[in-house]
Amino acid sequence: MEQDHAYLDLTVKALVDNPDSVVIARSVDEMGVLLTLTVAPEDMGKIIGKDGNIAKAIRTLLRVVGMKHNARVNLKINEPMGGKHFDSGENKTLDQVLGDIA
């Protein structure tokens, strides 16, 4: 397990109530390392934090871990199904979107 993956795993599992549901995917490309985090829907608030402060702190510390190993590390947090910004993949017309707003 890479250092950035291990750090994220340890940190997130310490924050959540359901550590068994934590899934981290790691991919490397020309832009650097991308860690994709998925947690149980009820644990999202613990990972994001008030105003996103916990997520910002985790991202900052991941960048520090990455710098130590000469890598650029980014974190993507997957939103659970039914979340506020979840995109189910269905395309809506302009009328449907405006109907949702009204």
Protein backbone atom coordinates (compact mmCIF):
# COMPACT_ATOMS: atom_id res chain seq x y z
CA MET A 1 0.00 0.00 0.00
CA GLU A 2 1.36 3.41 -0.96
CA GLN A 3 2.00 6.01 1.74
CA ASP A 4 -0.76 8.38 0.59
CA HIS A 5 -3.31 5.56 0.43
CA ALA A 6 -2.28 4.27 3.86
CA TYR A 7 -2.49 7.77 5.38
CA LEU A 8 -5.97 8.40 3.97
CA ASP A 9 -7.16 4.96 5.08
CA LEU A 10 -5.96 5.48 8.65
CA THR A 11 -7.34 9.01 8.90
CA VAL A 12 -10.78 8.32 7.45
CA LYS A 13 -11.33 5.10 9.40
CA ALA A 14 -10.58 7.01 12.60
CA LEU A 15 -13.25 9.62 11.76
CA VAL A 16 -16.20 7.49 10.64
CA ASP A 17 -18.64 5.25 12.51
CA ASN A 18 -18.55 2.55 9.79
CA PRO A 19 -14.86 1.93 9.03
CA ASP A 20 -15.69 -1.29 7.16
CA SER A 21 -17.57 0.70 4.51
CA VAL A 22 -14.57 2.90 3.63
CA VAL A 23 -13.35 2.26 0.09
CA ILE A 24 -10.34 4.03 -1.41
CA ALA A 25 -9.37 3.72 -5.05
CA ARG A 26 -5.94 4.96 -6.19
CA SER A 27 -5.05 5.87 -9.75
CA VAL A 28 -1.92 7.45 -11.20
CA ASP A 29 -1.67 9.43 -14.43
CA GLU A 30 0.39 12.29 -15.87
CA MET A 31 -1.40 14.76 -13.55
CA GLY A 32 -0.39 12.86 -10.41
CA VAL A 33 -2.17 10.60 -7.95
CA LEU A 34 -5.95 10.60 -7.56
CA LEU A 35 -7.45 9.01 -4.47
CA THR A 36 -11.18 8.43 -4.68
CA LEU A 37 -12.92 8.02 -1.33
CA THR A 38 -16.28 6.37 -0.77
CA VAL A 39 -17.86 6.16 2.68
CA ALA A 40 -21.27 5.23 4.06
CA PRO A 41 -23.89 7.95 3.48
CA GLU A 42 -24.33 8.54 7.21
CA ASP A 43 -20.58 9.22 7.55
CA MET A 44 -20.38 11.91 4.85
CA GLY A 45 -20.84 14.74 7.35
CA LYS A 46 -17.92 13.49 9.40
CA ILE A 47 -15.65 13.51 6.34
CA ILE A 48 -16.81 16.84 4.92
CA GLY A 49 -17.14 18.73 8.20
CA LYS A 50 -18.66 22.14 8.79
CA ASP A 51 -18.10 24.34 5.73
CA GLY A 52 -15.92 21.55 4.31
CA ASN A 53 -13.13 22.20 6.80
CA ILE A 54 -12.33 18.55 7.52
CA ALA A 55 -12.18 17.69 3.81
CA LYS A 56 -9.90 20.70 3.22
CA ALA A 57 -7.60 19.60 6.05
CA ILE A 58 -7.41 16.02 4.74
CA ARG A 59 -6.60 17.31 1.23
CA THR A 60 -3.89 19.62 2.60
CA LEU A 61 -2.24 16.84 4.58
CA LEU A 62 -2.44 14.50 1.56
CA ARG A 63 -0.57 17.11 -0.48
CA VAL A 64 2.12 17.20 2.21
CA VAL A 65 2.42 13.40 2.11
CA GLY A 66 2.64 13.62 -1.68
CA MET A 67 5.34 16.30 -1.61
CA LYS A 68 7.41 14.11 0.65
CA HIS A 69 7.31 11.44 -2.08
CA ASN A 70 7.55 13.83 -5.06
CA ALA A 71 3.96 13.30 -6.15
CA ARG A 72 0.92 15.50 -6.56
CA VAL A 73 -1.95 13.91 -4.64
CA ASN A 74 -5.61 14.88 -5.10
CA LEU A 75 -8.66 13.61 -3.27
CA LYS A 76 -12.11 13.05 -4.75
CA ILE A 77 -14.92 12.26 -2.33
CA ASN A 78 -17.74 10.28 -3.96
CA GLU A 79 -21.19 11.47 -3.00
CA PRO A 80 -23.53 8.64 -1.98
CA MET A 81 -26.66 7.87 -3.97
CA GLY A 82 -29.47 10.18 -3.00
CA GLY A 83 -27.06 12.85 -1.82
CA LYS A 84 -27.63 16.54 -2.35
CA HIS A 85 -25.52 16.78 -5.50
CA PHE A 86 -25.82 13.21 -6.75
CA ASP A 87 -26.27 12.93 -10.51
CA SER A 88 -28.32 9.85 -11.34
CA GLY A 89 -27.22 10.08 -14.96
CA GLU A 90 -30.63 11.09 -16.27
CA ASN A 91 -30.71 14.09 -18.55
CA LYS A 92 -33.39 16.65 -17.83
CA THR A 93 -34.89 19.17 -20.18
CA LEU A 94 -34.78 22.87 -19.40
CA ASP A 95 -38.49 22.80 -18.51
CA GLN A 96 -37.90 19.97 -16.01
CA VAL A 97 -35.03 21.83 -14.36
CA LEU A 98 -37.06 25.04 -14.13
CA GLY A 99 -39.98 23.01 -12.71
CA ASP A 100 -37.67 21.67 -10.00
CA ILE A 101 -36.62 25.19 -9.05
CA ALA A 102 -40.16 26.62 -8.86
